[in-house]
Amino acid sequence: MKQVGDRVPQVDFMTRQDGEWKTVSSDSIFSGKTVIVFALPGAFTPTCSTTHLPGYLALAGELHEHGVDDIVCLSVNDGFVMNAWAADQNVDGEVRMVPDGSGHFTRGMGMEVDLDELGFGCRSWRYSMLVEDGVITGLFAEDRDQPGDPFEVSDAMTMLKFVRHRNNEDRIAV
């Protein structure tokens, strides 16, 4: 599994934009930018649709205020599914939906999980990370030893607290 200090995998993502296939490289997403990636098992799944993606959508503005250039939602789904999910969730460009259809990035991160017993096949484990110019500077992976679909550290609020701390902007809750 990749760790803080490692570079993100160099892969090409096959996306659907304006009815056309477009290849998007890791470099075009990460080079020279501060990017949050949150990865999840699948579009339209319960935790992903009711909590994970909506949390990042709700805090997108505040994350950008703290120096984040882009927020990427990554899933081992194809471009058609990610685009349909973006429309369903009213993403409106607040989060960049990136399909890792073949799982190349997910495998490169060491975050693949076999969910064949659910009929999903190989998917991404749930995690989030802060990436600065292609280098992982913060990584929050859910505990693989917990049963079910743990969702405790890859959420948007944990990332916001990390970004604030990184910027020495800790705030005391009143």
N, C-alpha and C. Protein backbone atom coordinates (compact mmCIF):
# COMPACT_ATOMS: atom_id res chain seq x y z
N MET A 1 0.84 -1.17 0.00
CA MET A 1 0.00 0.00 0.00
C MET A 1 0.89 1.25 0.00
N LYS A 2 0.51 2.23 -0.82
CA LYS A 2 1.24 3.49 -0.84
C LYS A 2 1.13 4.17 0.52
N GLN A 3 2.13 4.98 0.83
CA GLN A 3 2.21 5.66 2.12
C GLN A 3 2.46 7.16 1.89
N VAL A 4 2.34 7.92 2.96
CA VAL A 4 2.70 9.33 2.91
C VAL A 4 4.15 9.44 2.45
N GLY A 5 4.39 10.35 1.51
CA GLY A 5 5.72 10.53 0.94
C GLY A 5 5.88 9.85 -0.41
N ASP A 6 5.02 8.89 -0.72
CA ASP A 6 5.07 8.20 -2.02
C ASP A 6 4.38 9.05 -3.09
N ARG A 7 4.75 8.80 -4.32
CA ARG A 7 4.07 9.43 -5.45
C ARG A 7 2.83 8.60 -5.81
N VAL A 8 1.82 9.26 -6.34
CA VAL A 8 0.63 8.54 -6.78
C VAL A 8 0.97 7.75 -8.04
N PRO A 9 0.22 6.69 -8.33
CA PRO A 9 0.47 5.91 -9.54
C PRO A 9 0.26 6.74 -10.81
N GLN A 10 1.06 6.44 -11.80
CA GLN A 10 0.93 7.10 -13.10
C GLN A 10 0.08 6.22 -14.01
N VAL A 11 -1.14 6.64 -14.24
CA VAL A 11 -2.07 5.88 -15.08
C VAL A 11 -2.85 6.83 -15.98
N ASP A 12 -3.52 6.26 -16.95
CA ASP A 12 -4.47 7.00 -17.78
C ASP A 12 -5.87 6.55 -17.42
N PHE A 13 -6.75 7.51 -17.20
CA PHE A 13 -8.15 7.24 -16.91
C PHE A 13 -8.96 7.47 -18.18
N MET A 14 -9.87 6.56 -18.48
CA MET A 14 -10.76 6.73 -19.64
C MET A 14 -12.05 7.37 -19.15
N THR A 15 -12.26 8.62 -19.54
CA THR A 15 -13.44 9.37 -19.10
C THR A 15 -14.37 9.63 -20.27
N ARG A 16 -15.60 9.97 -19.95
CA ARG A 16 -16.59 10.38 -20.97
C ARG A 16 -16.88 11.85 -20.75
N GLN A 17 -16.55 12.66 -21.75
CA GLN A 17 -16.79 14.09 -21.69
C GLN A 17 -17.44 14.54 -22.98
N ASP A 18 -18.60 15.17 -22.85
CA ASP A 18 -19.34 15.67 -24.01
C ASP A 18 -19.57 14.58 -25.06
N GLY A 19 -19.89 13.37 -24.59
CA GLY A 19 -20.20 12.26 -25.49
C GLY A 19 -19.00 11.63 -26.17
N GLU A 20 -17.81 11.98 -25.73
CA GLU A 20 -16.59 11.45 -26.33
C GLU A 20 -15.72 10.81 -25.26
N TRP A 21 -14.93 9.81 -25.67
CA TRP A 21 -13.92 9.25 -24.77
C TRP A 21 -12.74 10.20 -24.71
N LYS A 22 -12.30 10.51 -23.51
CA LYS A 22 -11.14 11.36 -23.30
C LYS A 22 -10.21 10.67 -22.32
N THR A 23 -8.93 10.62 -22.66
CA THR A 23 -7.93 10.06 -21.78
C THR A 23 -7.42 11.18 -20.87
N VAL A 24 -7.44 10.93 -19.57
CA VAL A 24 -6.95 11.89 -18.59
C VAL A 24 -5.84 11.20 -17.81
N SER A 25 -4.67 11.81 -17.80
CA SER A 25 -3.52 11.21 -17.11
C SER A 25 -3.46 11.63 -15.65
N SER A 26 -2.79 10.81 -14.85
CA SER A 26 -2.53 11.19 -13.46
C SER A 26 -1.82 12.53 -13.40
N ASP A 27 -0.85 12.74 -14.28
CA ASP A 27 -0.10 13.99 -14.28
C ASP A 27 -1.02 15.19 -14.46
N SER A 28 -2.00 15.08 -15.35
CA SER A 28 -2.89 16.22 -15.59
C SER A 28 -3.76 16.51 -14.38
N ILE A 29 -4.01 15.51 -13.56
CA ILE A 29 -4.82 15.71 -12.35
C ILE A 29 -3.99 16.27 -11.21
N PHE A 30 -2.75 15.79 -11.06
CA PHE A 30 -1.97 16.07 -9.85
C PHE A 30 -0.81 17.05 -10.00
N SER A 31 -0.23 17.17 -11.17
CA SER A 31 0.98 17.99 -11.31
C SER A 31 0.72 19.46 -10.99
N GLY A 32 1.53 19.97 -10.04
CA GLY A 32 1.46 21.37 -9.68
C GLY A 32 0.22 21.77 -8.90
N LYS A 33 -0.53 20.79 -8.39
CA LYS A 33 -1.78 21.08 -7.70
C LYS A 33 -1.83 20.41 -6.33
N THR A 34 -2.70 20.95 -5.49
CA THR A 34 -3.05 20.32 -4.22
C THR A 34 -4.42 19.70 -4.42
N VAL A 35 -4.49 18.38 -4.32
CA VAL A 35 -5.70 17.64 -4.68
C VAL A 35 -6.09 16.69 -3.55
N ILE A 36 -7.37 16.68 -3.23
CA ILE A 36 -7.92 15.67 -2.34
C ILE A 36 -8.51 14.58 -3.21
N VAL A 37 -8.18 13.35 -2.89
CA VAL A 37 -8.81 12.19 -3.53
C VAL A 37 -9.55 11.43 -2.45
N PHE A 38 -10.81 11.12 -2.71
CA PHE A 38 -11.49 10.16 -1.85
C PHE A 38 -11.97 9.04 -2.76
N ALA A 39 -11.63 7.83 -2.36
CA ALA A 39 -11.94 6.66 -3.17
C ALA A 39 -12.93 5.80 -2.41
N LEU A 40 -13.78 5.14 -3.17
CA LEU A 40 -14.87 4.39 -2.56
C LEU A 40 -15.22 3.17 -3.39
N PRO A 41 -15.95 2.23 -2.81
CA PRO A 41 -16.24 0.97 -3.49
C PRO A 41 -17.11 1.10 -4.73
N GLY A 42 -18.08 2.01 -4.75
CA GLY A 42 -18.90 2.06 -5.95
C GLY A 42 -19.93 3.17 -5.97
N ALA A 43 -20.15 3.68 -7.16
CA ALA A 43 -21.20 4.66 -7.39
C ALA A 43 -22.56 4.05 -7.05
N PHE A 44 -23.44 4.87 -6.57
CA PHE A 44 -24.83 4.49 -6.26
C PHE A 44 -24.96 3.53 -5.08
N THR A 45 -23.87 3.23 -4.39
CA THR A 45 -23.96 2.35 -3.23
C THR A 45 -24.35 3.17 -2.00
N PRO A 46 -24.92 2.54 -0.96
CA PRO A 46 -25.51 3.31 0.14
C PRO A 46 -24.60 4.32 0.83
N THR A 47 -23.50 3.90 1.43
CA THR A 47 -22.64 4.84 2.15
C THR A 47 -22.03 5.86 1.20
N CYS A 48 -21.66 5.43 0.02
CA CYS A 48 -21.05 6.32 -0.96
C CYS A 48 -22.01 7.43 -1.38
N SER A 49 -23.28 7.08 -1.55
CA SER A 49 -24.27 8.04 -2.04
C SER A 49 -24.94 8.87 -0.96
N THR A 50 -25.00 8.36 0.26
CA THR A 50 -25.72 9.10 1.30
C THR A 50 -24.79 9.89 2.21
N THR A 51 -23.49 9.51 2.26
CA THR A 51 -22.60 10.15 3.21
C THR A 51 -21.27 10.58 2.60
N HIS A 52 -20.57 9.65 1.93
CA HIS A 52 -19.20 9.95 1.51
C HIS A 52 -19.15 11.09 0.49
N LEU A 53 -19.76 10.91 -0.68
CA LEU A 53 -19.77 11.97 -1.69
C LEU A 53 -20.50 13.22 -1.19
N PRO A 54 -21.69 13.10 -0.60
CA PRO A 54 -22.36 14.31 -0.11
C PRO A 54 -21.55 15.11 0.91
N GLY A 55 -20.75 14.44 1.72
CA GLY A 55 -19.91 15.14 2.69
C GLY A 55 -18.88 16.02 2.01
N TYR A 56 -18.25 15.49 0.98
CA TYR A 56 -17.26 16.28 0.25
C TYR A 56 -17.93 17.41 -0.54
N LEU A 57 -19.11 17.15 -1.07
CA LEU A 57 -19.84 18.22 -1.76
C LEU A 57 -20.17 19.35 -0.79
N ALA A 58 -20.60 19.01 0.40
CA ALA A 58 -20.98 20.02 1.39
C ALA A 58 -19.79 20.86 1.84
N LEU A 59 -18.61 20.28 1.91
CA LEU A 59 -17.44 20.99 2.42
C LEU A 59 -16.48 21.47 1.31
N ALA A 60 -16.88 21.29 0.05
CA ALA A 60 -15.99 21.64 -1.06
C ALA A 60 -15.51 23.09 -0.98
N GLY A 61 -16.42 24.02 -0.75
CA GLY A 61 -16.04 25.42 -0.69
C GLY A 61 -15.01 25.70 0.39
N GLU A 62 -15.23 25.14 1.55
CA GLU A 62 -14.30 25.35 2.66
C GLU A 62 -12.95 24.68 2.39
N LEU A 63 -12.96 23.51 1.78
CA LEU A 63 -11.71 22.84 1.43
C LEU A 63 -10.91 23.69 0.44
N HIS A 64 -11.60 24.27 -0.54
CA HIS A 64 -10.92 25.14 -1.51
C HIS A 64 -10.35 26.38 -0.81
N GLU A 65 -11.06 26.92 0.16
CA GLU A 65 -10.57 28.08 0.91
C GLU A 65 -9.27 27.79 1.64
N HIS A 66 -9.02 26.52 1.94
CA HIS A 66 -7.81 26.12 2.66
C HIS A 66 -6.72 25.60 1.72
N GLY A 67 -6.78 26.02 0.46
CA GLY A 67 -5.69 25.74 -0.47
C GLY A 67 -5.82 24.51 -1.33
N VAL A 68 -6.97 23.87 -1.31
CA VAL A 68 -7.17 22.69 -2.15
C VAL A 68 -7.62 23.15 -3.54
N ASP A 69 -6.90 22.71 -4.57
CA ASP A 69 -7.24 23.08 -5.94
C ASP A 69 -8.38 22.25 -6.51
N ASP A 70 -8.34 20.93 -6.26
CA ASP A 70 -9.35 20.02 -6.81
C ASP A 70 -9.70 18.96 -5.79
N ILE A 71 -10.92 18.46 -5.90
CA ILE A 71 -11.39 17.34 -5.10
C ILE A 71 -11.82 16.26 -6.08
N VAL A 72 -11.24 15.09 -5.95
CA VAL A 72 -11.48 13.98 -6.88
C VAL A 72 -12.17 12.84 -6.16
N CYS A 73 -13.27 12.38 -6.74
CA CYS A 73 -13.93 11.16 -6.29
C CYS A 73 -13.54 10.06 -7.26
N LEU A 74 -12.92 9.00 -6.75
CA LEU A 74 -12.42 7.92 -7.59
C LEU A 74 -13.12 6.62 -7.22
N SER A 75 -13.57 5.91 -8.24
CA SER A 75 -14.20 4.61 -8.01
C SER A 75 -13.90 3.68 -9.18
N VAL A 76 -13.86 2.38 -8.89
CA VAL A 76 -13.68 1.39 -9.95
C VAL A 76 -15.04 1.19 -10.62
N ASN A 77 -15.41 2.19 -11.38
CA ASN A 77 -16.61 2.19 -12.21
C ASN A 77 -16.22 2.81 -13.55
N ASP A 78 -17.05 2.61 -14.58
CA ASP A 78 -16.74 3.21 -15.88
C ASP A 78 -17.23 4.65 -15.95
N GLY A 79 -16.83 5.34 -17.00
CA GLY A 79 -17.18 6.74 -17.19
C GLY A 79 -18.67 7.00 -17.28
N PHE A 80 -19.42 6.07 -17.89
CA PHE A 80 -20.87 6.24 -17.99
C PHE A 80 -21.50 6.25 -16.59
N VAL A 81 -21.08 5.31 -15.76
CA VAL A 81 -21.63 5.20 -14.41
C VAL A 81 -21.25 6.42 -13.58
N MET A 82 -20.00 6.84 -13.66
CA MET A 82 -19.57 8.01 -12.86
C MET A 82 -20.31 9.27 -13.30
N ASN A 83 -20.54 9.43 -14.60
CA ASN A 83 -21.28 10.60 -15.07
C ASN A 83 -22.74 10.55 -14.62
N ALA A 84 -23.35 9.38 -14.67
CA ALA A 84 -24.74 9.25 -14.22
C ALA A 84 -24.85 9.52 -12.73
N TRP A 85 -23.88 9.04 -11.97
CA TRP A 85 -23.88 9.27 -10.52
C TRP A 85 -23.68 10.76 -10.21
N ALA A 86 -22.79 11.41 -10.96
CA ALA A 86 -22.58 12.85 -10.78
C ALA A 86 -23.87 13.62 -11.01
N ALA A 87 -24.61 13.25 -12.04
CA ALA A 87 -25.90 13.91 -12.32
C ALA A 87 -26.90 13.63 -11.21
N ASP A 88 -26.96 12.38 -10.76
CA ASP A 88 -27.89 11.98 -9.70
C ASP A 88 -27.60 12.73 -8.40
N GLN A 89 -26.33 12.98 -8.12
CA GLN A 89 -25.91 13.62 -6.87
C GLN A 89 -25.77 15.14 -7.00
N ASN A 90 -26.10 15.69 -8.17
CA ASN A 90 -25.98 17.14 -8.41
C ASN A 90 -24.58 17.66 -8.10
N VAL A 91 -23.58 16.99 -8.63
CA VAL A 91 -22.19 17.33 -8.36
C VAL A 91 -21.82 18.70 -8.94
N ASP A 92 -22.31 19.03 -10.11
CA ASP A 92 -22.12 20.35 -10.73
C ASP A 92 -20.69 20.87 -10.68
N GLY A 93 -19.71 20.00 -10.87
CA GLY A 93 -18.33 20.42 -10.95
C GLY A 93 -17.63 20.67 -9.63
N GLU A 94 -18.34 20.54 -8.51
CA GLU A 94 -17.71 20.75 -7.20
C GLU A 94 -16.68 19.67 -6.89
N VAL A 95 -16.92 18.48 -7.40
CA VAL A 95 -16.03 17.33 -7.22
C VAL A 95 -15.80 16.75 -8.61
N ARG A 96 -14.57 16.41 -8.90
CA ARG A 96 -14.24 15.78 -10.18
C ARG A 96 -14.43 14.28 -10.05
N MET A 97 -15.32 13.73 -10.86
CA MET A 97 -15.63 12.31 -10.81
C MET A 97 -14.70 11.56 -11.77
N VAL A 98 -13.84 10.72 -11.22
CA VAL A 98 -12.82 10.03 -12.03
C VAL A 98 -13.08 8.53 -12.01
N PRO A 99 -13.37 7.96 -13.19
CA PRO A 99 -13.57 6.52 -13.29
C PRO A 99 -12.25 5.77 -13.40
N ASP A 100 -12.06 4.82 -12.51
CA ASP A 100 -10.89 3.94 -12.57
C ASP A 100 -11.41 2.57 -13.01
N GLY A 101 -12.04 2.55 -14.16
CA GLY A 101 -12.79 1.39 -14.65
C GLY A 101 -12.04 0.07 -14.61
N SER A 102 -10.78 0.09 -14.94
CA SER A 102 -9.98 -1.14 -14.92
C SER A 102 -9.22 -1.33 -13.62
N GLY A 103 -9.31 -0.35 -12.73
CA GLY A 103 -8.67 -0.47 -11.42
C GLY A 103 -7.18 -0.27 -11.41
N HIS A 104 -6.61 0.32 -12.46
CA HIS A 104 -5.15 0.48 -12.51
C HIS A 104 -4.62 1.39 -11.40
N PHE A 105 -5.28 2.52 -11.17
CA PHE A 105 -4.86 3.43 -10.10
C PHE A 105 -5.04 2.75 -8.75
N THR A 106 -6.19 2.12 -8.57
CA THR A 106 -6.52 1.44 -7.31
C THR A 106 -5.47 0.38 -6.97
N ARG A 107 -5.10 -0.45 -7.95
CA ARG A 107 -4.07 -1.46 -7.73
C ARG A 107 -2.73 -0.81 -7.45
N GLY A 108 -2.41 0.26 -8.18
CA GLY A 108 -1.15 0.98 -7.97
C GLY A 108 -1.05 1.57 -6.58
N MET A 109 -2.20 1.93 -6.00
CA MET A 109 -2.24 2.45 -4.63
C MET A 109 -2.17 1.32 -3.60
N GLY A 110 -2.40 0.07 -4.05
CA GLY A 110 -2.48 -1.06 -3.12
C GLY A 110 -3.78 -1.05 -2.34
N MET A 111 -4.82 -0.49 -2.94
CA MET A 111 -6.10 -0.32 -2.26
C MET A 111 -7.22 -1.17 -2.86
N GLU A 112 -6.87 -2.16 -3.67
CA GLU A 112 -7.92 -3.02 -4.23
C GLU A 112 -8.48 -3.94 -3.15
N VAL A 113 -9.75 -4.23 -3.28
CA VAL A 113 -10.41 -5.15 -2.36
C VAL A 113 -11.31 -6.05 -3.20
N ASP A 114 -11.32 -7.32 -2.88
CA ASP A 114 -12.14 -8.29 -3.60
C ASP A 114 -13.52 -8.33 -2.94
N LEU A 115 -14.51 -7.81 -3.65
CA LEU A 115 -15.89 -7.83 -3.17
C LEU A 115 -16.74 -8.77 -4.01
N ASP A 116 -16.11 -9.85 -4.45
CA ASP A 116 -16.80 -10.82 -5.29
C ASP A 116 -18.01 -11.44 -4.59
N GLU A 117 -17.92 -11.60 -3.26
CA GLU A 117 -19.05 -12.20 -2.54
C GLU A 117 -20.31 -11.33 -2.64
N LEU A 118 -20.13 -10.05 -2.97
CA LEU A 118 -21.27 -9.15 -3.16
C LEU A 118 -21.63 -8.97 -4.63
N GLY A 119 -20.85 -9.63 -5.50
CA GLY A 119 -21.08 -9.48 -6.93
C GLY A 119 -20.42 -8.25 -7.52
N PHE A 120 -19.55 -7.60 -6.77
CA PHE A 120 -18.88 -6.37 -7.23
C PHE A 120 -17.57 -6.66 -7.96
N GLY A 121 -16.92 -7.77 -7.62
CA GLY A 121 -15.59 -8.02 -8.16
C GLY A 121 -14.55 -7.16 -7.46
N CYS A 122 -13.48 -6.82 -8.16
CA CYS A 122 -12.42 -5.99 -7.58
C CYS A 122 -12.88 -4.54 -7.54
N ARG A 123 -12.79 -3.93 -6.38
CA ARG A 123 -13.17 -2.53 -6.18
C ARG A 123 -12.10 -1.83 -5.37
N SER A 124 -12.32 -0.56 -5.11
CA SER A 124 -11.39 0.21 -4.28
C SER A 124 -11.81 0.12 -2.83
N TRP A 125 -10.82 0.01 -1.95
CA TRP A 125 -11.07 0.16 -0.54
C TRP A 125 -11.39 1.63 -0.29
N ARG A 126 -12.11 1.92 0.75
CA ARG A 126 -12.49 3.30 1.07
C ARG A 126 -11.31 4.01 1.75
N TYR A 127 -10.88 5.14 1.14
CA TYR A 127 -9.80 5.94 1.70
C TYR A 127 -9.88 7.36 1.15
N SER A 128 -9.13 8.26 1.80
CA SER A 128 -8.96 9.60 1.25
C SER A 128 -7.49 9.97 1.40
N MET A 129 -7.06 10.91 0.57
CA MET A 129 -5.67 11.36 0.67
C MET A 129 -5.54 12.78 0.15
N LEU A 130 -4.55 13.46 0.68
CA LEU A 130 -4.16 14.76 0.19
C LEU A 130 -2.90 14.55 -0.64
N VAL A 131 -2.91 15.08 -1.85
CA VAL A 131 -1.79 14.90 -2.77
C VAL A 131 -1.31 16.29 -3.20
N GLU A 132 -0.02 16.53 -3.02
CA GLU A 132 0.56 17.81 -3.40
C GLU A 132 1.62 17.56 -4.47
N ASP A 133 1.34 18.07 -5.67
CA ASP A 133 2.23 17.90 -6.82
C ASP A 133 2.60 16.43 -7.03
N GLY A 134 1.61 15.56 -6.91
CA GLY A 134 1.82 14.14 -7.16
C GLY A 134 2.33 13.32 -6.00
N VAL A 135 2.59 13.98 -4.85
CA VAL A 135 3.12 13.28 -3.67
C VAL A 135 2.04 13.22 -2.60
N ILE A 136 1.86 12.05 -2.02
CA ILE A 136 0.86 11.87 -0.97
C ILE A 136 1.38 12.51 0.31
N THR A 137 0.62 13.50 0.83
CA THR A 137 1.03 14.17 2.06
C THR A 137 0.10 13.87 3.23
N GLY A 138 -1.00 13.21 2.97
CA GLY A 138 -1.91 12.76 4.02
C GLY A 138 -2.71 11.59 3.49
N LEU A 139 -2.88 10.54 4.29
CA LEU A 139 -3.59 9.35 3.83
C LEU A 139 -4.43 8.80 4.97
N PHE A 140 -5.71 8.60 4.68
CA PHE A 140 -6.67 8.13 5.67
C PHE A 140 -7.43 6.93 5.09
N ALA A 141 -6.96 5.74 5.41
CA ALA A 141 -7.58 4.51 4.91
C ALA A 141 -8.41 3.87 6.01
N GLU A 142 -9.57 3.40 5.64
CA GLU A 142 -10.41 2.71 6.61
C GLU A 142 -9.75 1.41 7.03
N ASP A 143 -10.05 0.96 8.23
CA ASP A 143 -9.46 -0.25 8.81
C ASP A 143 -9.96 -1.49 8.07
N ARG A 144 -9.05 -2.19 7.43
CA ARG A 144 -9.42 -3.39 6.66
C ARG A 144 -9.82 -4.56 7.55
N ASP A 145 -9.50 -4.48 8.84
CA ASP A 145 -9.85 -5.56 9.75
C ASP A 145 -11.26 -5.42 10.33
N GLN A 146 -11.89 -4.28 10.08
CA GLN A 146 -13.26 -4.10 10.55
C GLN A 146 -14.21 -4.79 9.59
N PRO A 147 -15.24 -5.42 10.09
CA PRO A 147 -16.22 -6.06 9.21
C PRO A 147 -17.08 -5.03 8.49
N GLY A 148 -17.66 -5.45 7.39
CA GLY A 148 -18.60 -4.59 6.66
C GLY A 148 -17.91 -3.49 5.89
N ASP A 149 -18.51 -2.33 5.90
CA ASP A 149 -18.05 -1.18 5.13
C ASP A 149 -17.71 -0.03 6.08
N PRO A 150 -16.55 -0.10 6.76
CA PRO A 150 -16.23 0.95 7.73
C PRO A 150 -16.11 2.32 7.06
N PHE A 151 -16.55 3.34 7.79
CA PHE A 151 -16.50 4.71 7.29
C PHE A 151 -16.27 5.63 8.49
N GLU A 152 -15.00 5.74 8.88
CA GLU A 152 -14.65 6.51 10.08
C GLU A 152 -13.59 7.57 9.85
N VAL A 153 -12.69 7.40 8.88
CA VAL A 153 -11.58 8.33 8.72
C VAL A 153 -11.42 8.91 7.32
N SER A 154 -12.15 8.41 6.35
CA SER A 154 -11.99 8.91 4.98
C SER A 154 -13.01 9.98 4.63
N ASP A 155 -13.74 10.44 5.61
CA ASP A 155 -14.80 11.43 5.42
C ASP A 155 -14.24 12.84 5.20
N ALA A 156 -15.10 13.73 4.76
CA ALA A 156 -14.71 15.10 4.44
C ALA A 156 -14.29 15.89 5.67
N MET A 157 -14.95 15.69 6.80
CA MET A 157 -14.61 16.45 7.99
C MET A 157 -13.21 16.09 8.50
N THR A 158 -12.85 14.80 8.46
CA THR A 158 -11.50 14.40 8.84
C THR A 158 -10.48 15.08 7.93
N MET A 159 -10.77 15.12 6.64
CA MET A 159 -9.85 15.77 5.70
C MET A 159 -9.77 17.27 5.96
N LEU A 160 -10.90 17.90 6.22
CA LEU A 160 -10.89 19.34 6.52
C LEU A 160 -10.04 19.63 7.75
N LYS A 161 -10.19 18.83 8.80
CA LYS A 161 -9.37 19.01 10.00
C LYS A 161 -7.88 18.85 9.68
N PHE A 162 -7.56 17.87 8.84
CA PHE A 162 -6.16 17.66 8.46
C PHE A 162 -5.62 18.85 7.68
N VAL A 163 -6.39 19.36 6.74
CA VAL A 163 -5.95 20.50 5.93
C VAL A 163 -5.78 21.74 6.81
N ARG A 164 -6.70 21.95 7.73
CA ARG A 164 -6.56 23.07 8.66
C ARG A 164 -5.29 22.93 9.49
N HIS A 165 -5.06 21.73 10.01
CA HIS A 165 -3.87 21.47 10.84
C HIS A 165 -2.61 21.70 10.01
N ARG A 166 -2.60 21.20 8.80
CA ARG A 166 -1.46 21.36 7.90
C ARG A 166 -1.16 22.83 7.68
N ASN A 167 -2.20 23.64 7.62
CA ASN A 167 -2.05 25.08 7.42
C ASN A 167 -1.92 25.83 8.74
N ASN A 168 -1.77 25.09 9.85
CA ASN A 168 -1.70 25.69 11.19
C ASN A 168 -2.92 26.56 11.48
N GLU A 169 -4.08 26.07 11.07
CA GLU A 169 -5.31 26.82 11.24
C GLU A 169 -6.28 26.07 12.15
N ASP A 170 -5.74 25.31 13.12
CA ASP A 170 -6.62 24.57 14.02
C ASP A 170 -7.60 25.54 14.69
N ARG A 171 -8.81 25.08 14.83
CA ARG A 171 -9.83 25.89 15.48
C ARG A 171 -10.43 25.08 16.64
N ILE A 172 -10.72 25.76 17.70
CA ILE A 172 -11.34 25.11 18.84
C ILE A 172 -12.85 25.21 18.67
N ALA A 173 -13.53 24.09 18.74
CA ALA A 173 -14.99 24.09 18.62
C ALA A 173 -15.58 24.71 19.88
N VAL A 174 -16.55 25.55 19.68
CA VAL A 174 -17.21 26.23 20.82
C VAL A 174 -18.57 25.63 21.03
